């Protein structure tokens, strides 16, 4: 695999000044992660700085050894604060918290070249590239699918894309602490870097002639997805090596036919198709 790519290909998770308040998460601030999977994944991630853990007595008992082991791996810190559900309801503004919340720092920056350097020693690599996918719930769900199918990272844009927030982390169900999320300033340049490093960029486009199962899957591939509605921008589409579509049925509803999928659903199907090499 070629090793040529430009420096400064893109920023990773944004870092900045710290906030002392219980922010639900804006780029650069500490954020409150909530829900069992996001909190346990964050505690299990040595790169995640954990500041304050609040949990109900019922949830602490329910989690038992899972929580004890996660805390033991980081020296017992932060010490759990036993609170009632109303305190979490008030703190998290009614979010579905499952009785547990963790105040944490945003993850350290990850750069595109960090992913490429790690991939040099691997026989296979699968990345996901998002072109201005703006909904944090969709990005979180895509991270979750990326983790399920063994992707090495998700690349998104610095602008017109969500930062690291509690909503994104909740939708990712722990995958935010498992799959690197890289933000780049120039997506076309990032795709050029990927191709120079030996990746084949495969764009998902509903108007493409070929179906995704019809193409050979190389050892190093990047799945490229556009925003719902407009899809990939022209320059992004032109930067792809292949354009493919997911075969859709013709079942009618309300006098019409279903023509598209939610981007996170499409990502899951496409990741399954690209998770094994063939051809």
C-alpha atoms as a PDB file:
ATOM      1  CA  UNK A   1       0.000   0.000   0.000  1.00  0.00           C
ATOM      2  CA  UNK A   2       1.326   3.434  -0.899  1.00  0.00           C
ATOM      3  CA  UNK A   3       2.393   5.678   1.977  1.00  0.00           C
ATOM      4  CA  UNK A   4       2.050   9.060   0.316  1.00  0.00           C
ATOM      5  CA  UNK A   5      -0.366  11.617   1.788  1.00  0.00           C
ATOM      6  CA  UNK A   6      -0.284  15.268   2.686  1.00  0.00           C
ATOM      7  CA  UNK A   7       0.200  16.568   6.194  1.00  0.00           C
ATOM      8  CA  UNK A   8      -2.550  18.607   7.752  1.00  0.00           C
ATOM      9  CA  UNK A   9      -5.206  16.512   6.010  1.00  0.00           C
ATOM     10  CA  UNK A  10      -7.745  17.292   8.686  1.00  0.00           C
ATOM     11  CA  UNK A  11      -8.442  17.782  12.331  1.00  0.00           C
ATOM     12  CA  UNK A  12      -9.822  15.133  14.585  1.00  0.00           C
ATOM     13  CA  UNK A  13     -12.228  15.650  17.473  1.00  0.00           C
ATOM     14  CA  UNK A  14     -12.241  19.333  18.299  1.00  0.00           C
ATOM     15  CA  UNK A  15     -10.615  20.508  21.505  1.00  0.00           C
ATOM     16  CA  UNK A  16     -10.655  23.927  23.056  1.00  0.00           C
ATOM     17  CA  UNK A  17     -11.345  25.732  26.318  1.00  0.00           C
ATOM     18  CA  UNK A  18     -12.974  23.875  29.197  1.00  0.00           C
ATOM     19  CA  UNK A  19     -16.326  24.708  30.714  1.00  0.00           C
ATOM     20  CA  UNK A  20     -16.978  24.345  34.435  1.00  0.00           C
ATOM     21  CA  UNK A  21     -20.728  23.987  33.934  1.00  0.00           C
ATOM     22  CA  UNK A  22     -22.715  20.796  33.279  1.00  0.00           C
ATOM     23  CA  UNK A  23     -22.965  21.343  29.521  1.00  0.00           C
ATOM     24  CA  UNK A  24     -24.761  18.702  27.490  1.00  0.00           C
ATOM     25  CA  UNK A  25     -21.921  19.048  25.052  1.00  0.00           C
ATOM     26  CA  UNK A  26     -20.674  21.679  22.670  1.00  0.00           C
ATOM     27  CA  UNK A  27     -17.326  21.412  20.853  1.00  0.00           C
ATOM     28  CA  UNK A  28     -14.474  22.260  23.194  1.00  0.00           C
ATOM     29  CA  UNK A  29     -16.487  21.909  26.443  1.00  0.00           C
ATOM     30  CA  UNK A  30     -16.697  19.094  28.910  1.00  0.00           C
ATOM     31  CA  UNK A  31     -19.821  17.135  28.229  1.00  0.00           C
ATOM     32  CA  UNK A  32     -22.190  14.859  30.071  1.00  0.00           C
ATOM     33  CA  UNK A  33     -22.347  11.384  28.578  1.00  0.00           C
ATOM     34  CA  UNK A  34     -25.424   9.468  29.646  1.00  0.00           C
ATOM     35  CA  UNK A  35     -26.798   5.984  29.235  1.00  0.00           C
ATOM     36  CA  UNK A  36     -25.234   2.650  30.150  1.00  0.00           C
ATOM     37  CA  UNK A  37     -23.355   1.923  26.913  1.00  0.00           C
ATOM     38  CA  UNK A  38     -21.862   5.414  26.370  1.00  0.00           C
ATOM     39  CA  UNK A  39     -20.740   5.718  29.985  1.00  0.00           C
ATOM     40  CA  UNK A  40     -19.199   2.242  30.267  1.00  0.00           C
ATOM     41  CA  UNK A  41     -17.430   2.676  26.912  1.00  0.00           C
ATOM     42  CA  UNK A  42     -16.068   6.056  28.000  1.00  0.00           C
ATOM     43  CA  UNK A  43     -14.832   4.629  31.314  1.00  0.00           C
ATOM     44  CA  UNK A  44     -13.174   1.800  29.415  1.00  0.00           C
ATOM     45  CA  UNK A  45     -11.366   4.172  27.058  1.00  0.00           C
ATOM     46  CA  UNK A  46      -7.944   5.183  28.476  1.00  0.00           C
ATOM     47  CA  UNK A  47      -7.934   8.224  26.179  1.00  0.00           C
ATOM     48  CA  UNK A  48     -11.100   9.604  27.762  1.00  0.00           C
ATOM     49  CA  UNK A  49     -10.621  11.929  30.756  1.00  0.00           C
ATOM     50  CA  UNK A  50     -13.509  11.212  33.153  1.00  0.00           C
ATOM     51  CA  UNK A  51     -14.303  13.904  35.720  1.00  0.00           C
ATOM     52  CA  UNK A  52     -17.512  13.087  37.572  1.00  0.00           C
ATOM     53  CA  UNK A  53     -19.758  10.013  37.694  1.00  0.00           C
ATOM     54  CA  UNK A  54     -23.361  10.168  38.889  1.00  0.00           C
ATOM     55  CA  UNK A  55     -25.473   7.026  39.157  1.00  0.00           C
ATOM     56  CA  UNK A  56     -28.663   5.980  40.888  1.00  0.00           C
ATOM     57  CA  UNK A  57     -28.439   3.288  43.548  1.00  0.00           C
ATOM     58  CA  UNK A  58     -30.647   1.022  41.431  1.00  0.00           C
ATOM     59  CA  UNK A  59     -28.446   1.329  38.357  1.00  0.00           C
ATOM     60  CA  UNK A  60     -25.238   0.898  40.369  1.00  0.00           C
ATOM     61  CA  UNK A  61     -26.612  -2.348  41.773  1.00  0.00           C
ATOM     62  CA  UNK A  62     -27.823  -3.488  38.375  1.00  0.00           C
ATOM     63  CA  UNK A  63     -24.464  -2.878  36.703  1.00  0.00           C
ATOM     64  CA  UNK A  64     -22.545  -4.432  39.564  1.00  0.00           C
ATOM     65  CA  UNK A  65     -19.206  -5.886  38.425  1.00  0.00           C
ATOM     66  CA  UNK A  66     -19.372  -4.200  35.020  1.00  0.00           C
ATOM     67  CA  UNK A  67     -19.155  -0.784  36.641  1.00  0.00           C
ATOM     68  CA  UNK A  68     -16.677  -1.948  39.309  1.00  0.00           C
ATOM     69  CA  UNK A  69     -14.302  -3.367  36.688  1.00  0.00           C
ATOM     70  CA  UNK A  70     -14.514  -0.254  34.498  1.00  0.00           C
ATOM     71  CA  UNK A  71     -13.622   1.953  37.452  1.00  0.00           C
ATOM     72  CA  UNK A  72     -10.917  -0.375  38.753  1.00  0.00           C
ATOM     73  CA  UNK A  73      -9.128  -0.121  35.397  1.00  0.00           C
ATOM     74  CA  UNK A  74      -8.759   3.633  35.978  1.00  0.00           C
ATOM     75  CA  UNK A  75      -7.778   3.483  39.635  1.00  0.00           C
ATOM     76  CA  UNK A  76     -11.303   3.836  41.026  1.00  0.00           C
ATOM     77  CA  UNK A  77     -11.712   7.353  39.678  1.00  0.00           C
ATOM     78  CA  UNK A  78     -13.995   9.159  39.434  1.00  0.00           C
ATOM     79  CA  UNK A  79     -15.705   7.957  42.595  1.00  0.00           C
ATOM     80  CA  UNK A  80     -19.410   7.319  41.885  1.00  0.00           C
ATOM     81  CA  UNK A  81     -21.879   9.779  43.381  1.00  0.00           C
ATOM     82  CA  UNK A  82     -25.148   8.049  44.276  1.00  0.00           C
ATOM     83  CA  UNK A  83     -28.043  10.324  43.312  1.00  0.00           C
ATOM     84  CA  UNK A  84     -31.768   9.991  42.679  1.00  0.00           C
ATOM     85  CA  UNK A  85     -33.303  10.026  39.213  1.00  0.00           C
ATOM     86  CA  UNK A  86     -34.708  13.517  39.702  1.00  0.00           C
ATOM     87  CA  UNK A  87     -31.200  14.951  40.055  1.00  0.00           C
ATOM     88  CA  UNK A  88     -30.200  13.400  36.727  1.00  0.00           C
ATOM     89  CA  UNK A  89     -33.467  14.506  35.120  1.00  0.00           C
ATOM     90  CA  UNK A  90     -32.757  18.091  36.154  1.00  0.00           C
ATOM     91  CA  UNK A  91     -29.099  17.975  35.153  1.00  0.00           C
ATOM     92  CA  UNK A  92     -29.698  16.362  31.757  1.00  0.00           C
ATOM     93  CA  UNK A  93     -32.874  18.279  30.910  1.00  0.00           C
ATOM     94  CA  UNK A  94     -35.069  15.225  30.614  1.00  0.00           C
ATOM     95  CA  UNK A  95     -32.704  13.116  28.482  1.00  0.00           C
ATOM     96  CA  UNK A  96     -33.082   9.331  28.600  1.00  0.00           C
ATOM     97  CA  UNK A  97     -30.145   8.701  30.928  1.00  0.00           C
ATOM     98  CA  UNK A  98     -30.901   5.201  32.293  1.00  0.00           C
ATOM     99  CA  UNK A  99     -29.807   6.333  35.725  1.00  0.00           C
ATOM    100  CA  UNK A 100     -26.149   7.021  34.934  1.00  0.00           C
ATOM    101  CA  UNK A 101     -24.159  10.007  33.643  1.00  0.00           C
ATOM    102  CA  UNK A 102     -20.472  10.859  33.293  1.00  0.00           C
ATOM    103  CA  UNK A 103     -18.927  14.307  32.982  1.00  0.00           C
ATOM    104  CA  UNK A 104     -15.962  13.914  30.644  1.00  0.00           C
ATOM    105  CA  UNK A 105     -13.576  15.823  28.426  1.00  0.00           C
ATOM    106  CA  UNK A 106     -13.861  15.557  24.653  1.00  0.00           C
ATOM    107  CA  UNK A 107     -11.570  12.920  23.219  1.00  0.00           C
ATOM    108  CA  UNK A 108      -8.104  13.971  22.011  1.00  0.00           C
ATOM    109  CA  UNK A 109      -7.747  14.990  18.397  1.00  0.00           C
ATOM    110  CA  UNK A 110      -7.319  12.268  15.822  1.00  0.00           C
ATOM    111  CA  UNK A 111      -5.904  13.182  12.412  1.00  0.00           C
ATOM    112  CA  UNK A 112      -6.539  11.449   9.113  1.00  0.00           C
ATOM    113  CA  UNK A 113      -2.870  10.566   8.797  1.00  0.00           C
ATOM    114  CA  UNK A 114      -3.074   8.826  12.188  1.00  0.00           C
ATOM    115  CA  UNK A 115      -5.581   6.393  10.674  1.00  0.00           C
ATOM    116  CA  UNK A 116      -3.496   5.925   7.556  1.00  0.00           C
ATOM    117  CA  UNK A 117      -0.315   5.196   9.496  1.00  0.00           C
ATOM    118  CA  UNK A 118      -2.091   2.554  11.570  1.00  0.00           C
ATOM    119  CA  UNK A 119      -3.578   1.008   8.419  1.00  0.00           C
ATOM    120  CA  UNK A 120      -0.158   0.505   6.818  1.00  0.00           C
ATOM    121  CA  UNK A 121       0.493  -2.561   8.981  1.00  0.00           C
ATOM    122  CA  UNK A 122      -2.965  -4.080   8.506  1.00  0.00           C
ATOM    123  CA  UNK A 123      -3.929  -6.502   5.750  1.00  0.00           C
ATOM    124  CA  UNK A 124      -7.346  -4.836   5.476  1.00  0.00           C
ATOM    125  CA  UNK A 125      -8.879  -1.490   6.332  1.00  0.00           C
ATOM    126  CA  UNK A 126     -12.395  -0.099   6.066  1.00  0.00           C
ATOM    127  CA  UNK A 127     -13.184   3.590   6.594  1.00  0.00           C
ATOM    128  CA  UNK A 128     -16.401   5.603   6.400  1.00  0.00           C
ATOM    129  CA  UNK A 129     -16.413   9.115   4.904  1.00  0.00           C
ATOM    130  CA  UNK A 130     -19.399  11.429   5.470  1.00  0.00           C
ATOM    131  CA  UNK A 131     -20.030  14.420   3.237  1.00  0.00           C
ATOM    132  CA  UNK A 132     -21.878  16.988   5.371  1.00  0.00           C
ATOM    133  CA  UNK A 133     -24.127  14.567   7.260  1.00  0.00           C
ATOM    134  CA  UNK A 134     -25.525  17.016   9.811  1.00  0.00           C
ATOM    135  CA  UNK A 135     -27.837  15.035  12.102  1.00  0.00           C
ATOM    136  CA  UNK A 136     -25.994  13.878  15.262  1.00  0.00           C
ATOM    137  CA  UNK A 137     -28.350  10.922  15.605  1.00  0.00           C
ATOM    138  CA  UNK A 138     -27.435   9.748  12.103  1.00  0.00           C
ATOM    139  CA  UNK A 139     -23.705  10.226  12.720  1.00  0.00           C
ATOM    140  CA  UNK A 140     -24.023   8.376  16.013  1.00  0.00           C
ATOM    141  CA  UNK A 141     -25.881   5.494  14.373  1.00  0.00           C
ATOM    142  CA  UNK A 142     -23.235   5.342  11.624  1.00  0.00           C
ATOM    143  CA  UNK A 143     -20.501   5.167  14.275  1.00  0.00           C
ATOM    144  CA  UNK A 144     -22.376   2.278  15.862  1.00  0.00           C
ATOM    145  CA  UNK A 145     -22.552   0.412  12.544  1.00  0.00           C
ATOM    146  CA  UNK A 146     -18.893   1.224  11.858  1.00  0.00           C
ATOM    147  CA  UNK A 147     -17.966  -0.431  15.157  1.00  0.00           C
ATOM    148  CA  UNK A 148     -20.170  -3.443  14.410  1.00  0.00           C
ATOM    149  CA  UNK A 149     -18.535  -4.066  11.026  1.00  0.00           C
ATOM    150  CA  UNK A 150     -14.955  -3.409  12.094  1.00  0.00           C
ATOM    151  CA  UNK A 151     -14.355  -0.039  10.456  1.00  0.00           C
ATOM    152  CA  UNK A 152     -11.127   1.693  11.443  1.00  0.00           C
ATOM    153  CA  UNK A 153     -12.574   5.197  11.555  1.00  0.00           C
ATOM    154  CA  UNK A 154     -15.237   7.653  10.442  1.00  0.00           C
ATOM    155  CA  UNK A 155     -14.186  10.802   8.579  1.00  0.00           C
ATOM    156  CA  UNK A 156     -16.493  13.805   8.478  1.00  0.00           C
ATOM    157  CA  UNK A 157     -16.295  17.491   7.643  1.00  0.00           C
ATOM    158  CA  UNK A 158     -15.434  20.271  10.070  1.00  0.00           C
ATOM    159  CA  UNK A 159     -18.352  22.368   8.802  1.00  0.00           C
ATOM    160  CA  UNK A 160     -21.950  21.186   8.373  1.00  0.00           C
ATOM    161  CA  UNK A 161     -21.353  18.212  10.646  1.00  0.00           C
ATOM    162  CA  UNK A 162     -22.059  17.694  14.358  1.00  0.00           C
ATOM    163  CA  UNK A 163     -19.358  17.986  16.970  1.00  0.00           C
ATOM    164  CA  UNK A 164     -18.863  15.600  19.868  1.00  0.00           C
ATOM    165  CA  UNK A 165     -22.053  15.971  21.898  1.00  0.00           C
ATOM    166  CA  UNK A 166     -24.023  13.892  24.344  1.00  0.00           C
ATOM    167  CA  UNK A 167     -26.752  13.342  21.721  1.00  0.00           C
ATOM    168  CA  UNK A 168     -24.221  11.933  19.256  1.00  0.00           C
ATOM    169  CA  UNK A 169     -22.631   9.782  21.965  1.00  0.00           C
ATOM    170  CA  UNK A 170     -26.018   8.407  23.057  1.00  0.00           C
ATOM    171  CA  UNK A 171     -26.957   7.518  19.475  1.00  0.00           C
ATOM    172  CA  UNK A 172     -23.570   5.841  19.023  1.00  0.00           C
ATOM    173  CA  UNK A 173     -24.274   3.608  22.064  1.00  0.00           C
ATOM    174  CA  UNK A 174     -20.607   3.549  23.088  1.00  0.00           C
ATOM    175  CA  UNK A 175     -19.103   3.506  19.592  1.00  0.00           C
ATOM    176  CA  UNK A 176     -17.816   7.081  19.953  1.00  0.00           C
ATOM    177  CA  UNK A 177     -15.171   5.673  22.310  1.00  0.00           C
ATOM    178  CA  UNK A 178     -14.451   2.693  20.061  1.00  0.00           C
ATOM    179  CA  UNK A 179     -14.190   4.152  16.539  1.00  0.00           C
ATOM    180  CA  UNK A 180     -12.012   7.229  15.845  1.00  0.00           C
ATOM    181  CA  UNK A 181     -13.986  10.225  14.550  1.00  0.00           C
ATOM    182  CA  UNK A 182     -11.872  12.479  12.324  1.00  0.00           C
ATOM    183  CA  UNK A 183     -12.956  15.911  11.092  1.00  0.00           C
ATOM    184  CA  UNK A 184     -11.326  17.357   7.974  1.00  0.00           C
ATOM    185  CA  UNK A 185     -11.473  20.832   6.506  1.00  0.00           C
ATOM    186  CA  UNK A 186     -11.291  19.769   2.855  1.00  0.00           C
ATOM    187  CA  UNK A 187     -13.063  16.512   2.029  1.00  0.00           C
ATOM    188  CA  UNK A 188     -11.824  16.326  -1.581  1.00  0.00           C
ATOM    189  CA  UNK A 189      -8.233  16.601  -0.350  1.00  0.00           C
ATOM    190  CA  UNK A 190      -8.909  13.926   2.268  1.00  0.00           C
ATOM    191  CA  UNK A 191     -10.218  11.580  -0.430  1.00  0.00           C
ATOM    192  CA  UNK A 192      -7.103  12.285  -2.486  1.00  0.00           C
ATOM    193  CA  UNK A 193      -4.989  11.388   0.556  1.00  0.00           C
ATOM    194  CA  UNK A 194      -6.921   8.168   0.979  1.00  0.00           C
ATOM    195  CA  UNK A 195      -6.392   7.197  -2.649  1.00  0.00           C
ATOM    196  CA  UNK A 196      -2.688   8.047  -2.440  1.00  0.00           C
ATOM    197  CA  UNK A 197      -2.477   5.742   0.589  1.00  0.00           C
ATOM    198  CA  UNK A 198      -3.964   2.857  -1.381  1.00  0.00           C
ATOM    199  CA  UNK A 199      -7.657   3.119  -0.530  1.00  0.00           C
ATOM    200  CA  UNK A 200     -10.402   2.701  -3.108  1.00  0.00           C
ATOM    201  CA  UNK A 201     -13.140   5.262  -2.488  1.00  0.00           C
ATOM    202  CA  UNK A 202     -16.597   3.799  -3.045  1.00  0.00           C
ATOM    203  CA  UNK A 203     -19.427   6.334  -3.124  1.00  0.00           C
ATOM    204  CA  UNK A 204     -23.026   5.406  -2.387  1.00  0.00           C
ATOM    205  CA  UNK A 205     -25.327   7.061  -4.923  1.00  0.00           C
ATOM    206  CA  UNK A 206     -28.939   6.099  -5.561  1.00  0.00           C
ATOM    207  CA  UNK A 207     -28.569   6.988  -9.251  1.00  0.00           C
ATOM    208  CA  UNK A 208     -25.469   4.842  -9.832  1.00  0.00           C
ATOM    209  CA  UNK A 209     -25.638   2.190 -12.546  1.00  0.00           C
ATOM    210  CA  UNK A 210     -23.926  -0.591 -10.607  1.00  0.00           C
ATOM    211  CA  UNK A 211     -25.184  -2.243  -7.447  1.00  0.00           C
ATOM    212  CA  UNK A 212     -22.877  -2.475  -4.464  1.00  0.00           C
ATOM    213  CA  UNK A 213     -22.691  -6.285  -4.661  1.00  0.00           C
ATOM    214  CA  UNK A 214     -21.420  -6.084  -8.251  1.00  0.00           C
ATOM    215  CA  UNK A 215     -18.020  -4.568  -7.466  1.00  0.00           C
ATOM    216  CA  UNK A 216     -14.864  -6.181  -6.182  1.00  0.00           C
ATOM    217  CA  UNK A 217     -14.005  -5.223  -2.613  1.00  0.00           C
ATOM    218  CA  UNK A 218     -10.298  -4.380  -2.247  1.00  0.00           C
ATOM    219  CA  UNK A 219      -8.248  -4.746   0.917  1.00  0.00           C
ATOM    220  CA  UNK A 220      -8.340  -1.018   1.722  1.00  0.00           C
ATOM    221  CA  UNK A 221     -11.649   0.705   0.987  1.00  0.00           C
ATOM    222  CA  UNK A 222     -13.501   3.819   2.052  1.00  0.00           C
ATOM    223  CA  UNK A 223     -17.286   4.040   1.940  1.00  0.00           C
ATOM    224  CA  UNK A 224     -18.393   7.576   1.041  1.00  0.00           C
ATOM    225  CA  UNK A 225     -21.891   8.775   1.930  1.00  0.00           C
ATOM    226  CA  UNK A 226     -23.629  12.077   1.323  1.00  0.00           C
ATOM    227  CA  UNK A 227     -26.259  13.931   3.283  1.00  0.00           C
ATOM    228  CA  UNK A 228     -29.892  12.926   3.090  1.00  0.00           C
ATOM    229  CA  UNK A 229     -31.651  14.693   0.270  1.00  0.00           C
ATOM    230  CA  UNK A 230     -28.804  16.298  -1.681  1.00  0.00           C
ATOM    231  CA  UNK A 231     -26.467  13.315  -1.310  1.00  0.00           C
ATOM    232  CA  UNK A 232     -22.783  13.763  -2.093  1.00  0.00           C
ATOM    233  CA  UNK A 233     -21.578  17.083  -3.435  1.00  0.00           C
ATOM    234  CA  UNK A 234     -20.346  17.055  -7.023  1.00  0.00           C
ATOM    235  CA  UNK A 235     -16.652  17.308  -6.125  1.00  0.00           C
ATOM    236  CA  UNK A 236     -17.012  14.491  -3.632  1.00  0.00           C
ATOM    237  CA  UNK A 237     -18.792  12.335  -6.188  1.00  0.00           C
ATOM    238  CA  UNK A 238     -16.140  13.069  -8.797  1.00  0.00           C
ATOM    239  CA  UNK A 239     -13.429  12.088  -6.302  1.00  0.00           C
ATOM    240  CA  UNK A 240     -14.809   8.566  -5.837  1.00  0.00           C
ATOM    241  CA  UNK A 241     -13.304   5.605  -7.698  1.00  0.00           C
ATOM    242  CA  UNK A 242     -16.643   3.788  -7.845  1.00  0.00           C
ATOM    243  CA  UNK A 243     -20.264   4.877  -7.568  1.00  0.00           C
ATOM    244  CA  UNK A 244     -22.692   2.194  -6.447  1.00  0.00           C
ATOM    245  CA  UNK A 245     -26.255   1.909  -5.210  1.00  0.00           C
ATOM    246  CA  UNK A 246     -28.148  -0.347  -2.856  1.00  0.00           C
ATOM    247  CA  UNK A 247     -30.707  -2.410  -4.768  1.00  0.00           C
ATOM    248  CA  UNK A 248     -34.166  -1.310  -3.685  1.00  0.00           C
ATOM    249  CA  UNK A 249     -37.446  -3.154  -3.934  1.00  0.00           C
ATOM    250  CA  UNK A 250     -40.485  -1.763  -5.716  1.00  0.00           C
ATOM    251  CA  UNK A 251     -43.080  -2.140  -2.967  1.00  0.00           C
ATOM    252  CA  UNK A 252     -45.513   0.763  -3.293  1.00  0.00           C
ATOM    253  CA  UNK A 253     -46.888   2.901  -0.508  1.00  0.00           C
ATOM    254  CA  UNK A 254     -49.528   5.611  -0.770  1.00  0.00           C
ATOM    255  CA  UNK A 255     -49.422   5.523  -4.556  1.00  0.00           C
ATOM    256  CA  UNK A 256     -45.617   5.801  -4.771  1.00  0.00           C
ATOM    257  CA  UNK A 257     -42.523   3.656  -4.327  1.00  0.00           C
ATOM    258  CA  UNK A 258     -39.905   3.836  -1.614  1.00  0.00           C
ATOM    259  CA  UNK A 259     -36.848   5.279  -3.359  1.00  0.00           C
ATOM    260  CA  UNK A 260     -34.326   5.910  -0.601  1.00  0.00           C
ATOM    261  CA  UNK A 261     -33.150   4.938   2.868  1.00  0.00           C
ATOM    262  CA  UNK A 262     -32.146   6.963   5.868  1.00  0.00           C
ATOM    263  CA  UNK A 263     -28.400   7.587   5.577  1.00  0.00           C
ATOM    264  CA  UNK A 264     -27.609   5.616   8.725  1.00  0.00           C
ATOM    265  CA  UNK A 265     -29.612   2.624   7.467  1.00  0.00           C
ATOM    266  CA  UNK A 266     -27.911   2.864   4.090  1.00  0.00           C
ATOM    267  CA  UNK A 267     -24.539   3.006   5.834  1.00  0.00           C
ATOM    268  CA  UNK A 268     -25.261  -0.186   7.772  1.00  0.00           C
ATOM    269  CA  UNK A 269     -26.252  -2.088   4.624  1.00  0.00           C
ATOM    270  CA  UNK A 270     -23.272  -0.799   2.656  1.00  0.00           C
ATOM    271  CA  UNK A 271     -20.843  -1.562   5.502  1.00  0.00           C
ATOM    272  CA  UNK A 272     -22.118  -5.119   5.592  1.00  0.00           C
ATOM    273  CA  UNK A 273     -21.563  -5.398   1.837  1.00  0.00           C
ATOM    274  CA  UNK A 274     -18.035  -4.017   2.113  1.00  0.00           C
ATOM    275  CA  UNK A 275     -17.005  -5.743   5.329  1.00  0.00           C
ATOM    276  CA  UNK A 276     -15.731  -8.825   3.484  1.00  0.00           C
ATOM    277  CA  UNK A 277     -13.317  -8.818   0.581  1.00  0.00           C
ATOM    278  CA  UNK A 278     -14.429 -10.354  -2.685  1.00  0.00           C
ATOM    279  CA  UNK A 279     -13.398 -10.315  -6.328  1.00  0.00           C
END
